[in-house]
Amino acid sequence: MSEKMTIKFTVNGIQEKKEAAVGQTLLKFIRDELHLTGTKEGCEIGECGACIVLLDDRPVNSCLILAVELDGKNLVTIEGLSQNGEMDRLQQAFIDHAAFQCGYCTPGMIMSARALIDRKPEPTDEDINEALSGNLCRCGAYQEIREAVKDASKK
C-alpha cells in the first residue's frame, strides 16, 4: 500500500482536508479524489497544457506536480471560474468566438488565459501568444482562441 499524507488546501474557494498518496500527481488527485473532471489528462509530461490549473494564482501543469505539494495552497480548476451559475467571461468568450472545436484543450487554455488577464488586464497579441505557448490545440483554433482572450480582457 502506498504511503499517504494528510493535506489541507483550498479548492475553488472551499477549504479541504484530504489524504493524498505521496507519489500521486495533482492531476490524478483532482480527477480521482476531488472528482473535478474538467481538468484534462493529455500527454502526462507537461507538453500539451490540457491539465493546467491555477496554483496560488500561477498556471501549472498538474501532471508535473505532486498532490502533496498542494498542502497549504489555493487551487483553482476550470470548475472554479463559474460563479453563482454564471460562466466566467473567458468561458463565455470561448463560446462567443467558437474558440474550441473538440474542446479538449479548452480548460487548459482558459486557465492559462485567466492567469494572463489577472496579471495583465489588457494583454497584447504577443502577451497572449506567450501565455498560451504551453498549450497545444490539436484542432488549430489558435486565432479564435486569441480573439476570445482579447474580447474577455476588454470586459
N, C-alpha and C. Protein backbone atom coordinates (compact mmCIF):
# COMPACT_ATOMS: atom_id res chain seq x y z
N MET A 1 0.84 -1.17 0.00
CA MET A 1 0.00 0.00 0.00
C MET A 1 0.89 1.24 0.00
N SER A 2 0.49 2.25 -0.75
CA SER A 2 1.31 3.45 -0.85
C SER A 2 1.12 4.33 0.38
N GLU A 3 2.18 5.05 0.69
CA GLU A 3 2.16 5.98 1.82
C GLU A 3 1.25 7.15 1.50
N LYS A 4 0.50 7.61 2.51
CA LYS A 4 -0.41 8.73 2.32
C LYS A 4 -0.06 9.85 3.28
N MET A 5 -0.47 11.04 2.88
CA MET A 5 -0.22 12.22 3.69
C MET A 5 -1.51 13.04 3.74
N THR A 6 -1.82 13.61 4.90
CA THR A 6 -2.98 14.48 5.00
C THR A 6 -2.57 15.87 4.56
N ILE A 7 -3.35 16.43 3.64
CA ILE A 7 -3.07 17.78 3.15
C ILE A 7 -4.29 18.67 3.37
N LYS A 8 -4.01 19.93 3.64
CA LYS A 8 -5.06 20.95 3.78
C LYS A 8 -4.83 21.98 2.69
N PHE A 9 -5.92 22.36 2.03
CA PHE A 9 -5.81 23.27 0.90
C PHE A 9 -7.16 23.89 0.63
N THR A 10 -7.19 24.85 -0.27
CA THR A 10 -8.44 25.44 -0.72
C THR A 10 -8.58 25.11 -2.20
N VAL A 11 -9.76 24.61 -2.58
CA VAL A 11 -10.03 24.31 -3.99
C VAL A 11 -11.29 25.05 -4.39
N ASN A 12 -11.15 25.91 -5.37
CA ASN A 12 -12.28 26.68 -5.89
C ASN A 12 -13.06 27.37 -4.78
N GLY A 13 -12.29 27.92 -3.82
CA GLY A 13 -12.87 28.70 -2.73
C GLY A 13 -13.33 27.90 -1.53
N ILE A 14 -13.19 26.58 -1.56
CA ILE A 14 -13.64 25.72 -0.46
C ILE A 14 -12.44 25.08 0.22
N GLN A 15 -12.37 25.24 1.53
CA GLN A 15 -11.27 24.62 2.29
C GLN A 15 -11.50 23.12 2.38
N GLU A 16 -10.42 22.37 2.18
CA GLU A 16 -10.49 20.91 2.19
C GLU A 16 -9.36 20.34 3.03
N LYS A 17 -9.58 19.13 3.49
CA LYS A 17 -8.55 18.34 4.17
C LYS A 17 -8.74 16.92 3.66
N LYS A 18 -7.71 16.38 2.99
CA LYS A 18 -7.83 15.06 2.36
C LYS A 18 -6.52 14.30 2.49
N GLU A 19 -6.64 13.01 2.28
CA GLU A 19 -5.47 12.13 2.20
C GLU A 19 -5.02 12.08 0.74
N ALA A 20 -3.72 12.15 0.53
CA ALA A 20 -3.16 12.03 -0.82
C ALA A 20 -2.00 11.05 -0.79
N ALA A 21 -1.95 10.18 -1.77
CA ALA A 21 -0.82 9.26 -1.89
C ALA A 21 0.42 10.09 -2.21
N VAL A 22 1.52 9.76 -1.58
CA VAL A 22 2.74 10.54 -1.70
C VAL A 22 3.20 10.69 -3.15
N GLY A 23 3.07 9.68 -3.98
CA GLY A 23 3.53 9.75 -5.37
C GLY A 23 2.46 10.14 -6.38
N GLN A 24 1.27 10.47 -5.92
CA GLN A 24 0.17 10.79 -6.82
C GLN A 24 0.32 12.19 -7.41
N THR A 25 0.07 12.32 -8.71
CA THR A 25 0.14 13.65 -9.32
C THR A 25 -1.08 14.47 -8.92
N LEU A 26 -0.93 15.78 -8.99
CA LEU A 26 -2.04 16.67 -8.71
C LEU A 26 -3.17 16.41 -9.70
N LEU A 27 -2.84 16.15 -10.95
CA LEU A 27 -3.86 15.85 -11.97
C LEU A 27 -4.73 14.67 -11.53
N LYS A 28 -4.11 13.57 -11.15
CA LYS A 28 -4.86 12.37 -10.73
C LYS A 28 -5.67 12.68 -9.48
N PHE A 29 -5.10 13.45 -8.57
CA PHE A 29 -5.80 13.82 -7.33
C PHE A 29 -7.05 14.65 -7.64
N ILE A 30 -6.90 15.63 -8.53
CA ILE A 30 -8.03 16.49 -8.90
C ILE A 30 -9.16 15.64 -9.51
N ARG A 31 -8.80 14.78 -10.43
CA ARG A 31 -9.81 14.00 -11.14
C ARG A 31 -10.37 12.85 -10.29
N ASP A 32 -9.49 12.11 -9.60
CA ASP A 32 -9.91 10.89 -8.90
C ASP A 32 -10.38 11.13 -7.47
N GLU A 33 -9.78 12.07 -6.78
CA GLU A 33 -10.13 12.29 -5.37
C GLU A 33 -11.11 13.46 -5.19
N LEU A 34 -10.92 14.52 -5.97
CA LEU A 34 -11.81 15.68 -5.86
C LEU A 34 -13.00 15.57 -6.82
N HIS A 35 -12.92 14.64 -7.77
CA HIS A 35 -13.99 14.39 -8.75
C HIS A 35 -14.30 15.62 -9.59
N LEU A 36 -13.26 16.39 -9.90
CA LEU A 36 -13.36 17.55 -10.78
C LEU A 36 -12.73 17.14 -12.11
N THR A 37 -13.56 16.82 -13.08
CA THR A 37 -13.07 16.21 -14.31
C THR A 37 -12.88 17.21 -15.45
N GLY A 38 -13.05 18.49 -15.19
CA GLY A 38 -12.82 19.49 -16.23
C GLY A 38 -11.35 19.59 -16.61
N THR A 39 -10.47 19.35 -15.66
CA THR A 39 -9.04 19.34 -15.93
C THR A 39 -8.74 18.07 -16.71
N LYS A 40 -8.17 18.23 -17.89
CA LYS A 40 -7.99 17.08 -18.79
C LYS A 40 -6.61 16.46 -18.67
N GLU A 41 -6.58 15.17 -18.88
CA GLU A 41 -5.34 14.41 -18.92
C GLU A 41 -4.93 14.26 -20.37
N GLY A 42 -3.79 14.83 -20.72
CA GLY A 42 -3.32 14.77 -22.10
C GLY A 42 -2.07 13.92 -22.20
N CYS A 43 -0.95 14.58 -22.25
CA CYS A 43 0.33 13.91 -22.51
C CYS A 43 0.98 13.32 -21.27
N GLU A 44 0.66 13.85 -20.10
CA GLU A 44 1.24 13.45 -18.81
C GLU A 44 2.72 13.77 -18.68
N ILE A 45 3.26 14.62 -19.56
CA ILE A 45 4.67 15.03 -19.45
C ILE A 45 4.84 16.55 -19.55
N GLY A 46 3.74 17.29 -19.40
CA GLY A 46 3.82 18.75 -19.38
C GLY A 46 3.98 19.41 -20.73
N GLU A 47 3.69 18.71 -21.80
CA GLU A 47 3.87 19.25 -23.14
C GLU A 47 2.62 19.87 -23.76
N CYS A 48 1.42 19.41 -23.35
CA CYS A 48 0.21 19.81 -24.08
C CYS A 48 -0.61 20.90 -23.39
N GLY A 49 -0.52 21.05 -22.09
CA GLY A 49 -1.24 22.09 -21.38
C GLY A 49 -2.69 21.78 -21.05
N ALA A 50 -3.18 20.60 -21.40
CA ALA A 50 -4.59 20.27 -21.14
C ALA A 50 -4.91 20.23 -19.65
N CYS A 51 -3.89 20.00 -18.83
CA CYS A 51 -4.11 19.84 -17.39
C CYS A 51 -3.80 21.09 -16.57
N ILE A 52 -3.65 22.24 -17.21
CA ILE A 52 -3.27 23.45 -16.49
C ILE A 52 -4.37 23.89 -15.53
N VAL A 53 -3.94 24.17 -14.30
CA VAL A 53 -4.79 24.72 -13.24
C VAL A 53 -4.02 25.90 -12.64
N LEU A 54 -4.70 26.65 -11.79
CA LEU A 54 -4.03 27.75 -11.10
C LEU A 54 -3.70 27.31 -9.68
N LEU A 55 -2.44 27.38 -9.34
CA LEU A 55 -1.97 27.05 -8.00
C LEU A 55 -1.37 28.31 -7.41
N ASP A 56 -2.03 28.84 -6.39
CA ASP A 56 -1.66 30.15 -5.84
C ASP A 56 -1.56 31.19 -6.95
N ASP A 57 -2.57 31.19 -7.81
CA ASP A 57 -2.74 32.14 -8.92
C ASP A 57 -1.76 31.98 -10.07
N ARG A 58 -0.95 30.93 -10.07
CA ARG A 58 0.01 30.69 -11.15
C ARG A 58 -0.44 29.48 -11.95
N PRO A 59 -0.37 29.57 -13.29
CA PRO A 59 -0.72 28.39 -14.09
C PRO A 59 0.37 27.32 -13.97
N VAL A 60 -0.06 26.09 -13.69
CA VAL A 60 0.88 24.97 -13.58
C VAL A 60 0.29 23.76 -14.30
N ASN A 61 1.17 22.93 -14.82
CA ASN A 61 0.77 21.65 -15.39
C ASN A 61 0.56 20.69 -14.23
N SER A 62 -0.68 20.33 -13.98
CA SER A 62 -0.97 19.49 -12.82
C SER A 62 -0.42 18.07 -12.97
N CYS A 63 -0.03 17.68 -14.18
CA CYS A 63 0.58 16.37 -14.37
C CYS A 63 2.03 16.33 -13.89
N LEU A 64 2.62 17.49 -13.64
CA LEU A 64 4.02 17.57 -13.21
C LEU A 64 4.18 17.90 -11.73
N ILE A 65 3.08 18.11 -11.04
CA ILE A 65 3.09 18.49 -9.63
C ILE A 65 2.55 17.32 -8.82
N LEU A 66 3.14 17.08 -7.67
CA LEU A 66 2.61 16.04 -6.79
C LEU A 66 1.45 16.61 -5.97
N ALA A 67 0.47 15.78 -5.70
CA ALA A 67 -0.70 16.21 -4.93
C ALA A 67 -0.29 16.74 -3.56
N VAL A 68 0.70 16.14 -2.94
CA VAL A 68 1.12 16.58 -1.61
C VAL A 68 1.67 18.01 -1.62
N GLU A 69 2.09 18.51 -2.79
CA GLU A 69 2.56 19.88 -2.91
C GLU A 69 1.42 20.89 -2.81
N LEU A 70 0.20 20.40 -2.85
CA LEU A 70 -0.99 21.24 -2.71
C LEU A 70 -1.17 21.72 -1.27
N ASP A 71 -0.55 21.06 -0.33
CA ASP A 71 -0.72 21.38 1.09
C ASP A 71 -0.48 22.86 1.37
N GLY A 72 -1.49 23.51 1.96
CA GLY A 72 -1.39 24.92 2.33
C GLY A 72 -1.60 25.89 1.19
N LYS A 73 -2.00 25.40 0.03
CA LYS A 73 -2.11 26.25 -1.15
C LYS A 73 -3.55 26.44 -1.60
N ASN A 74 -3.71 27.33 -2.56
CA ASN A 74 -5.01 27.63 -3.16
C ASN A 74 -5.02 27.10 -4.59
N LEU A 75 -5.97 26.23 -4.88
CA LEU A 75 -6.11 25.62 -6.20
C LEU A 75 -7.38 26.11 -6.86
N VAL A 76 -7.28 26.51 -8.12
CA VAL A 76 -8.47 26.86 -8.90
C VAL A 76 -8.45 26.01 -10.16
N THR A 77 -9.55 25.29 -10.38
CA THR A 77 -9.71 24.49 -11.58
C THR A 77 -10.72 25.19 -12.48
N ILE A 78 -10.92 24.68 -13.66
CA ILE A 78 -11.88 25.27 -14.60
C ILE A 78 -13.27 25.38 -13.98
N GLU A 79 -13.63 24.42 -13.13
CA GLU A 79 -14.93 24.47 -12.47
C GLU A 79 -15.07 25.66 -11.53
N GLY A 80 -13.95 26.13 -11.02
CA GLY A 80 -13.95 27.24 -10.06
C GLY A 80 -14.11 28.61 -10.67
N LEU A 81 -14.08 28.71 -12.00
CA LEU A 81 -14.23 30.02 -12.63
C LEU A 81 -15.68 30.49 -12.66
N SER A 82 -16.61 29.58 -12.74
CA SER A 82 -18.03 29.95 -12.75
C SER A 82 -18.43 30.42 -11.36
N GLN A 83 -19.26 31.46 -11.32
CA GLN A 83 -19.74 32.00 -10.05
C GLN A 83 -21.26 32.10 -10.08
N ASN A 84 -21.91 31.55 -9.08
CA ASN A 84 -23.37 31.60 -8.98
C ASN A 84 -24.06 31.11 -10.25
N GLY A 85 -23.52 30.07 -10.85
CA GLY A 85 -24.12 29.50 -12.05
C GLY A 85 -23.84 30.27 -13.33
N GLU A 86 -23.05 31.33 -13.22
CA GLU A 86 -22.69 32.15 -14.39
C GLU A 86 -21.27 31.82 -14.83
N MET A 87 -21.11 31.65 -16.13
CA MET A 87 -19.78 31.39 -16.65
C MET A 87 -18.88 32.59 -16.48
N ASP A 88 -17.61 32.33 -16.33
CA ASP A 88 -16.59 33.37 -16.33
C ASP A 88 -16.58 34.02 -17.71
N ARG A 89 -16.16 35.26 -17.77
CA ARG A 89 -16.17 35.97 -19.06
C ARG A 89 -15.28 35.29 -20.09
N LEU A 90 -14.22 34.62 -19.67
CA LEU A 90 -13.38 33.87 -20.61
C LEU A 90 -14.13 32.66 -21.17
N GLN A 91 -14.83 31.96 -20.30
CA GLN A 91 -15.61 30.82 -20.76
C GLN A 91 -16.64 31.27 -21.79
N GLN A 92 -17.31 32.38 -21.51
CA GLN A 92 -18.31 32.90 -22.44
C GLN A 92 -17.66 33.36 -23.75
N ALA A 93 -16.51 33.99 -23.65
CA ALA A 93 -15.81 34.47 -24.85
C ALA A 93 -15.39 33.29 -25.74
N PHE A 94 -15.00 32.18 -25.14
CA PHE A 94 -14.65 31.00 -25.93
C PHE A 94 -15.86 30.50 -26.72
N ILE A 95 -17.03 30.57 -26.11
CA ILE A 95 -18.25 30.18 -26.81
C ILE A 95 -18.57 31.19 -27.91
N ASP A 96 -18.54 32.47 -27.55
CA ASP A 96 -18.89 33.53 -28.50
C ASP A 96 -18.00 33.53 -29.74
N HIS A 97 -16.73 33.15 -29.58
CA HIS A 97 -15.77 33.18 -30.69
C HIS A 97 -15.50 31.80 -31.29
N ALA A 98 -16.28 30.80 -30.88
CA ALA A 98 -16.06 29.43 -31.35
C ALA A 98 -14.59 29.05 -31.22
N ALA A 99 -14.05 29.34 -30.04
CA ALA A 99 -12.62 29.14 -29.78
C ALA A 99 -12.31 27.72 -29.32
N PHE A 100 -13.10 26.80 -29.76
CA PHE A 100 -12.87 25.40 -29.45
C PHE A 100 -13.49 24.58 -30.57
N GLN A 101 -12.94 23.43 -30.79
CA GLN A 101 -13.56 22.50 -31.73
C GLN A 101 -13.81 21.21 -30.97
N CYS A 102 -12.78 20.44 -30.72
CA CYS A 102 -13.01 19.22 -29.93
C CYS A 102 -13.17 19.57 -28.45
N GLY A 103 -12.59 20.69 -28.01
CA GLY A 103 -12.74 21.15 -26.64
C GLY A 103 -11.76 20.57 -25.64
N TYR A 104 -10.91 19.67 -26.09
CA TYR A 104 -10.01 19.01 -25.14
C TYR A 104 -9.01 19.98 -24.52
N CYS A 105 -8.51 20.92 -25.30
CA CYS A 105 -7.53 21.87 -24.80
C CYS A 105 -8.17 23.04 -24.06
N THR A 106 -9.47 23.20 -24.20
CA THR A 106 -10.16 24.40 -23.73
C THR A 106 -9.94 24.70 -22.24
N PRO A 107 -10.09 23.74 -21.32
CA PRO A 107 -9.87 24.09 -19.91
C PRO A 107 -8.46 24.63 -19.64
N GLY A 108 -7.45 24.00 -20.20
CA GLY A 108 -6.08 24.47 -20.00
C GLY A 108 -5.84 25.83 -20.63
N MET A 109 -6.40 26.04 -21.83
CA MET A 109 -6.27 27.34 -22.49
C MET A 109 -6.92 28.43 -21.65
N ILE A 110 -8.13 28.16 -21.16
CA ILE A 110 -8.85 29.16 -20.36
C ILE A 110 -8.10 29.45 -19.06
N MET A 111 -7.56 28.45 -18.42
CA MET A 111 -6.83 28.68 -17.16
C MET A 111 -5.55 29.48 -17.41
N SER A 112 -4.85 29.20 -18.50
CA SER A 112 -3.65 29.98 -18.84
C SER A 112 -4.04 31.43 -19.14
N ALA A 113 -5.13 31.60 -19.88
CA ALA A 113 -5.60 32.95 -20.23
C ALA A 113 -6.08 33.70 -18.99
N ARG A 114 -6.74 33.00 -18.07
CA ARG A 114 -7.22 33.63 -16.82
C ARG A 114 -6.03 34.19 -16.04
N ALA A 115 -4.95 33.41 -15.93
CA ALA A 115 -3.75 33.87 -15.22
C ALA A 115 -3.16 35.10 -15.91
N LEU A 116 -3.15 35.09 -17.24
CA LEU A 116 -2.63 36.23 -18.00
C LEU A 116 -3.46 37.48 -17.74
N ILE A 117 -4.77 37.38 -17.88
CA ILE A 117 -5.65 38.55 -17.70
C ILE A 117 -5.59 39.06 -16.26
N ASP A 118 -5.47 38.16 -15.31
CA ASP A 118 -5.35 38.59 -13.91
C ASP A 118 -4.05 39.36 -13.69
N ARG A 119 -3.00 38.95 -14.39
CA ARG A 119 -1.69 39.57 -14.26
C ARG A 119 -1.58 40.83 -15.13
N LYS A 120 -2.19 40.78 -16.31
CA LYS A 120 -2.08 41.88 -17.28
C LYS A 120 -3.45 42.05 -17.93
N PRO A 121 -4.28 42.94 -17.39
CA PRO A 121 -5.67 43.07 -17.84
C PRO A 121 -5.87 43.42 -19.31
N GLU A 122 -4.90 44.05 -19.94
CA GLU A 122 -5.02 44.39 -21.35
C GLU A 122 -3.85 43.81 -22.14
N PRO A 123 -3.86 42.50 -22.34
CA PRO A 123 -2.72 41.85 -23.00
C PRO A 123 -2.66 42.13 -24.50
N THR A 124 -1.44 42.18 -25.01
CA THR A 124 -1.23 42.30 -26.45
C THR A 124 -1.29 40.90 -27.08
N ASP A 125 -1.29 40.86 -28.41
CA ASP A 125 -1.24 39.56 -29.09
C ASP A 125 0.00 38.79 -28.67
N GLU A 126 1.11 39.50 -28.53
CA GLU A 126 2.36 38.86 -28.12
C GLU A 126 2.24 38.27 -26.70
N ASP A 127 1.60 39.02 -25.81
CA ASP A 127 1.38 38.53 -24.44
C ASP A 127 0.53 37.26 -24.47
N ILE A 128 -0.52 37.29 -25.27
CA ILE A 128 -1.43 36.13 -25.37
C ILE A 128 -0.69 34.93 -25.94
N ASN A 129 0.06 35.15 -27.01
CA ASN A 129 0.83 34.05 -27.62
C ASN A 129 1.80 33.44 -26.61
N GLU A 130 2.48 34.29 -25.85
CA GLU A 130 3.44 33.79 -24.87
C GLU A 130 2.73 33.03 -23.75
N ALA A 131 1.63 33.58 -23.24
CA ALA A 131 0.90 32.94 -22.14
C ALA A 131 0.34 31.58 -22.54
N LEU A 132 -0.05 31.45 -23.81
CA LEU A 132 -0.66 30.21 -24.28
C LEU A 132 0.34 29.27 -24.96
N SER A 133 1.60 29.65 -24.96
CA SER A 133 2.61 28.86 -25.69
C SER A 133 2.77 27.44 -25.14
N GLY A 134 2.38 27.19 -23.92
CA GLY A 134 2.47 25.85 -23.35
C GLY A 134 1.23 25.02 -23.56
N ASN A 135 0.29 25.53 -24.36
CA ASN A 135 -0.97 24.83 -24.62
C ASN A 135 -1.04 24.43 -26.08
N LEU A 136 -1.36 23.19 -26.32
CA LEU A 136 -1.47 22.67 -27.68
C LEU A 136 -2.94 22.48 -28.05
N CYS A 137 -3.35 23.10 -29.17
CA CYS A 137 -4.70 22.90 -29.72
C CYS A 137 -4.54 22.03 -30.97
N ARG A 138 -4.96 20.81 -30.86
CA ARG A 138 -4.82 19.88 -31.99
C ARG A 138 -5.72 20.25 -33.16
N CYS A 139 -6.76 21.03 -32.90
CA CYS A 139 -7.70 21.43 -33.96
C CYS A 139 -7.26 22.70 -34.68
N GLY A 140 -6.30 23.41 -34.14
CA GLY A 140 -5.78 24.62 -34.79
C GLY A 140 -6.65 25.85 -34.63
N ALA A 141 -7.36 25.98 -33.54
CA ALA A 141 -8.26 27.12 -33.33
C ALA A 141 -7.55 28.31 -32.67
N TYR A 142 -6.27 28.45 -32.93
CA TYR A 142 -5.47 29.48 -32.25
C TYR A 142 -5.98 30.90 -32.48
N GLN A 143 -6.37 31.23 -33.69
CA GLN A 143 -6.84 32.58 -33.97
C GLN A 143 -8.13 32.88 -33.18
N GLU A 144 -9.04 31.94 -33.15
CA GLU A 144 -10.28 32.11 -32.40
C GLU A 144 -10.01 32.21 -30.90
N ILE A 145 -9.06 31.44 -30.43
CA ILE A 145 -8.68 31.48 -29.01
C ILE A 145 -8.11 32.85 -28.68
N ARG A 146 -7.20 33.33 -29.52
CA ARG A 146 -6.60 34.66 -29.30
C ARG A 146 -7.69 35.74 -29.28
N GLU A 147 -8.65 35.67 -30.19
CA GLU A 147 -9.74 36.65 -30.24
C GLU A 147 -10.61 36.56 -28.98
N ALA A 148 -10.86 35.36 -28.51
CA ALA A 148 -11.66 35.18 -27.30
C ALA A 148 -10.96 35.80 -26.09
N VAL A 149 -9.65 35.61 -26.00
CA VAL A 149 -8.88 36.17 -24.88
C VAL A 149 -8.89 37.69 -24.95
N LYS A 150 -8.69 38.24 -26.16
CA LYS A 150 -8.74 39.70 -26.31
C LYS A 150 -10.11 40.25 -25.93
N ASP A 151 -11.16 39.58 -26.37
CA ASP A 151 -12.52 40.03 -26.08
C ASP A 151 -12.78 39.98 -24.57
N ALA A 152 -12.40 38.90 -23.93
CA ALA A 152 -12.63 38.77 -22.48
C ALA A 152 -11.83 39.79 -21.68
N SER A 153 -10.67 40.18 -22.20
CA SER A 153 -9.86 41.16 -21.47
C SER A 153 -10.45 42.56 -21.53
N LYS A 154 -11.34 42.80 -22.47
CA LYS A 154 -11.97 44.12 -22.63
C LYS A 154 -13.17 44.29 -21.71
N LYS A 155 -13.63 43.22 -21.09
CA LYS A 155 -14.86 43.27 -20.29
C LYS A 155 -14.57 43.51 -18.84
